[in-house]
Amino acid sequence: MLIDFKDEDFESKIKNEEVSVIQYSAAWCGPCKSLKPIMDKFSETYKDKNVSMYYADVEENGINTASVAGIRGVPTVIIYKKGIEVNRLVGGVPEGKMKEFLDENI
């Protein structure tokens, strides 16, 4: 399962973790709702690779972090290493494309 993200987690967790993946989403977003179960599945798949995976609602607990990251559309998935963005994928994508993105960047 994805970990619910709060803005304060960026300083306390993301900057200290080897690899973090954040799915920026919104409650009203259809593609975000479709992507969440895929990301939940991948959070289990990649747990042995020391990866933390988060779900950030851009209108709730992740609003400041989303703003700083320059999120312009949801869903957006960003991969961070020690708090530094290494890549992002914008839009709803099929499971295979997301797996390819994660494999390339983790």
C-alpha atoms as a PDB file:
ATOM      1  CA  MET A   1       0.000   0.000   0.000  1.00  0.00           C
ATOM      2  CA  LEU A   2       1.083   3.528  -0.719  1.00  0.00           C
ATOM      3  CA  ILE A   3       1.943   5.625   2.321  1.00  0.00           C
ATOM      4  CA  ASP A   4      -0.222   8.730   2.766  1.00  0.00           C
ATOM      5  CA  PHE A   5       2.050  11.717   2.240  1.00  0.00           C
ATOM      6  CA  LYS A   6       2.024  14.955   4.233  1.00  0.00           C
ATOM      7  CA  ASP A   7       4.127  18.026   3.357  1.00  0.00           C
ATOM      8  CA  GLU A   8       6.287  17.600   6.471  1.00  0.00           C
ATOM      9  CA  ASP A   9       7.295  14.101   5.238  1.00  0.00           C
ATOM     10  CA  PHE A  10       9.521  15.661   2.583  1.00  0.00           C
ATOM     11  CA  GLU A  11      11.998  16.990   5.154  1.00  0.00           C
ATOM     12  CA  SER A  12      11.666  14.132   7.623  1.00  0.00           C
ATOM     13  CA  LYS A  13      11.541  11.183   5.189  1.00  0.00           C
ATOM     14  CA  ILE A  14      12.065  11.885   1.471  1.00  0.00           C
ATOM     15  CA  LYS A  15      15.371  13.734   1.936  1.00  0.00           C
ATOM     16  CA  ASN A  16      16.717  10.841   4.003  1.00  0.00           C
ATOM     17  CA  GLU A  17      15.517   7.885   1.931  1.00  0.00           C
ATOM     18  CA  GLU A  18      17.626   6.290  -0.802  1.00  0.00           C
ATOM     19  CA  VAL A  19      14.661   6.158  -3.199  1.00  0.00           C
ATOM     20  CA  SER A  20      11.184   7.626  -2.784  1.00  0.00           C
ATOM     21  CA  VAL A  21       8.322   7.582  -5.263  1.00  0.00           C
ATOM     22  CA  ILE A  22       5.432  10.024  -4.871  1.00  0.00           C
ATOM     23  CA  GLN A  23       2.177   9.807  -6.807  1.00  0.00           C
ATOM     24  CA  TYR A  24       0.747  13.332  -6.837  1.00  0.00           C
ATOM     25  CA  SER A  25      -3.014  13.098  -7.298  1.00  0.00           C
ATOM     26  CA  ALA A  26      -6.367  14.675  -6.516  1.00  0.00           C
ATOM     27  CA  ALA A  27      -9.578  13.132  -5.191  1.00  0.00           C
ATOM     28  CA  TRP A  28     -11.603  14.290  -8.218  1.00  0.00           C
ATOM     29  CA  CYS A  29      -9.123  12.934 -10.817  1.00  0.00           C
ATOM     30  CA  GLY A  30     -10.298   9.836 -12.727  1.00  0.00           C
ATOM     31  CA  PRO A  31      -6.852   8.808 -14.072  1.00  0.00           C
ATOM     32  CA  CYS A  32      -5.445   9.212 -10.532  1.00  0.00           C
ATOM     33  CA  LYS A  33      -8.035   6.767  -9.202  1.00  0.00           C
ATOM     34  CA  SER A  34      -7.092   4.283 -11.932  1.00  0.00           C
ATOM     35  CA  LEU A  35      -3.375   4.636 -11.209  1.00  0.00           C
ATOM     36  CA  LYS A  36      -3.591   4.209  -7.425  1.00  0.00           C
ATOM     37  CA  PRO A  37      -4.217   0.408  -7.399  1.00  0.00           C
ATOM     38  CA  ILE A  38      -1.348  -0.027  -9.868  1.00  0.00           C
ATOM     39  CA  MET A  39       0.955   1.985  -7.598  1.00  0.00           C
ATOM     40  CA  ASP A  40      -0.304   0.060  -4.548  1.00  0.00           C
ATOM     41  CA  LYS A  41       0.696  -3.154  -6.322  1.00  0.00           C
ATOM     42  CA  PHE A  42       4.140  -1.773  -7.213  1.00  0.00           C
ATOM     43  CA  SER A  43       4.693  -0.643  -3.617  1.00  0.00           C
ATOM     44  CA  GLU A  44       4.618  -4.358  -2.731  1.00  0.00           C
ATOM     45  CA  THR A  45       6.683  -5.366  -5.784  1.00  0.00           C
ATOM     46  CA  TYR A  46       9.512  -2.938  -4.989  1.00  0.00           C
ATOM     47  CA  LYS A  47       9.540  -3.148  -1.177  1.00  0.00           C
ATOM     48  CA  ASP A  48      12.630  -5.386  -1.251  1.00  0.00           C
ATOM     49  CA  LYS A  49      14.517  -2.690  -3.195  1.00  0.00           C
ATOM     50  CA  ASN A  50      14.443  -0.225  -0.285  1.00  0.00           C
ATOM     51  CA  VAL A  51      11.922   2.053  -2.020  1.00  0.00           C
ATOM     52  CA  SER A  52       9.270   4.062  -0.180  1.00  0.00           C
ATOM     53  CA  MET A  53       6.140   4.847  -2.189  1.00  0.00           C
ATOM     54  CA  TYR A  54       3.744   7.646  -1.269  1.00  0.00           C
ATOM     55  CA  TYR A  55       0.365   9.032  -2.297  1.00  0.00           C
ATOM     56  CA  ALA A  56       0.103  12.834  -2.098  1.00  0.00           C
ATOM     57  CA  ASP A  57      -3.200  14.656  -2.585  1.00  0.00           C
ATOM     58  CA  VAL A  58      -2.270  18.001  -4.165  1.00  0.00           C
ATOM     59  CA  GLU A  59      -5.292  19.696  -2.614  1.00  0.00           C
ATOM     60  CA  GLU A  60      -4.873  18.299   0.873  1.00  0.00           C
ATOM     61  CA  ASN A  61      -1.727  17.142   2.678  1.00  0.00           C
ATOM     62  CA  GLY A  62       0.695  17.501  -0.245  1.00  0.00           C
ATOM     63  CA  ILE A  63      -0.220  20.958  -1.497  1.00  0.00           C
ATOM     64  CA  ASN A  64       3.043  22.730  -0.603  1.00  0.00           C
ATOM     65  CA  THR A  65       5.305  19.942  -1.842  1.00  0.00           C
ATOM     66  CA  ALA A  66       3.325  19.726  -5.096  1.00  0.00           C
ATOM     67  CA  SER A  67       3.697  23.470  -5.580  1.00  0.00           C
ATOM     68  CA  VAL A  68       7.455  23.373  -5.002  1.00  0.00           C
ATOM     69  CA  ALA A  69       7.745  20.400  -7.407  1.00  0.00           C
ATOM     70  CA  GLY A  70       5.919  22.387 -10.087  1.00  0.00           C
ATOM     71  CA  ILE A  71       3.059  19.918 -10.463  1.00  0.00           C
ATOM     72  CA  ARG A  72       0.835  21.194 -13.280  1.00  0.00           C
ATOM     73  CA  GLY A  73      -1.256  18.093 -13.921  1.00  0.00           C
ATOM     74  CA  VAL A  74      -2.287  14.977 -12.082  1.00  0.00           C
ATOM     75  CA  PRO A  75      -1.454  12.223 -11.827  1.00  0.00           C
ATOM     76  CA  THR A  76       2.269  12.930 -11.747  1.00  0.00           C
ATOM     77  CA  VAL A  77       4.708  10.351 -10.389  1.00  0.00           C
ATOM     78  CA  ILE A  78       8.107  11.653  -9.293  1.00  0.00           C
ATOM     79  CA  ILE A  79      11.077   9.543  -8.255  1.00  0.00           C
ATOM     80  CA  TYR A  80      13.426  11.120  -5.711  1.00  0.00           C
ATOM     81  CA  LYS A  81      16.829   9.953  -4.514  1.00  0.00           C
ATOM     82  CA  LYS A  82      17.752  11.523  -1.174  1.00  0.00           C
ATOM     83  CA  GLY A  83      15.163  14.241  -1.864  1.00  0.00           C
ATOM     84  CA  ILE A  84      16.448  15.128  -5.340  1.00  0.00           C
ATOM     85  CA  GLU A  85      14.129  14.550  -8.285  1.00  0.00           C
ATOM     86  CA  VAL A  86      15.593  12.084 -10.785  1.00  0.00           C
ATOM     87  CA  ASN A  87      12.605  11.698 -13.121  1.00  0.00           C
ATOM     88  CA  ARG A  88       8.868  12.234 -13.481  1.00  0.00           C
ATOM     89  CA  LEU A  89       6.003  10.759 -15.449  1.00  0.00           C
ATOM     90  CA  VAL A  90       2.872  12.832 -16.046  1.00  0.00           C
ATOM     91  CA  GLY A  91      -0.568  11.453 -16.836  1.00  0.00           C
ATOM     92  CA  GLY A  92      -2.433   8.228 -16.464  1.00  0.00           C
ATOM     93  CA  VAL A  93      -0.392   5.422 -17.988  1.00  0.00           C
ATOM     94  CA  PRO A  94      -0.899   1.673 -18.350  1.00  0.00           C
ATOM     95  CA  GLU A  95       0.671  -0.672 -15.818  1.00  0.00           C
ATOM     96  CA  GLY A  96       3.400  -1.814 -18.243  1.00  0.00           C
ATOM     97  CA  LYS A  97       4.541   1.748 -18.928  1.00  0.00           C
ATOM     98  CA  MET A  98       4.665   2.531 -15.197  1.00  0.00           C
ATOM     99  CA  LYS A  99       6.701  -0.636 -14.514  1.00  0.00           C
ATOM    100  CA  GLU A 100       9.146   0.354 -17.258  1.00  0.00           C
ATOM    101  CA  PHE A 101       9.447   3.873 -15.767  1.00  0.00           C
ATOM    102  CA  LEU A 102      10.049   2.510 -12.262  1.00  0.00           C
ATOM    103  CA  ASP A 103      12.555  -0.124 -13.430  1.00  0.00           C
ATOM    104  CA  GLU A 104      14.575   2.513 -15.307  1.00  0.00           C
ATOM    105  CA  ASN A 105      14.769   4.886 -12.358  1.00  0.00           C
ATOM    106  CA  ILE A 106      14.935   2.792  -9.196  1.00  0.00           C
END
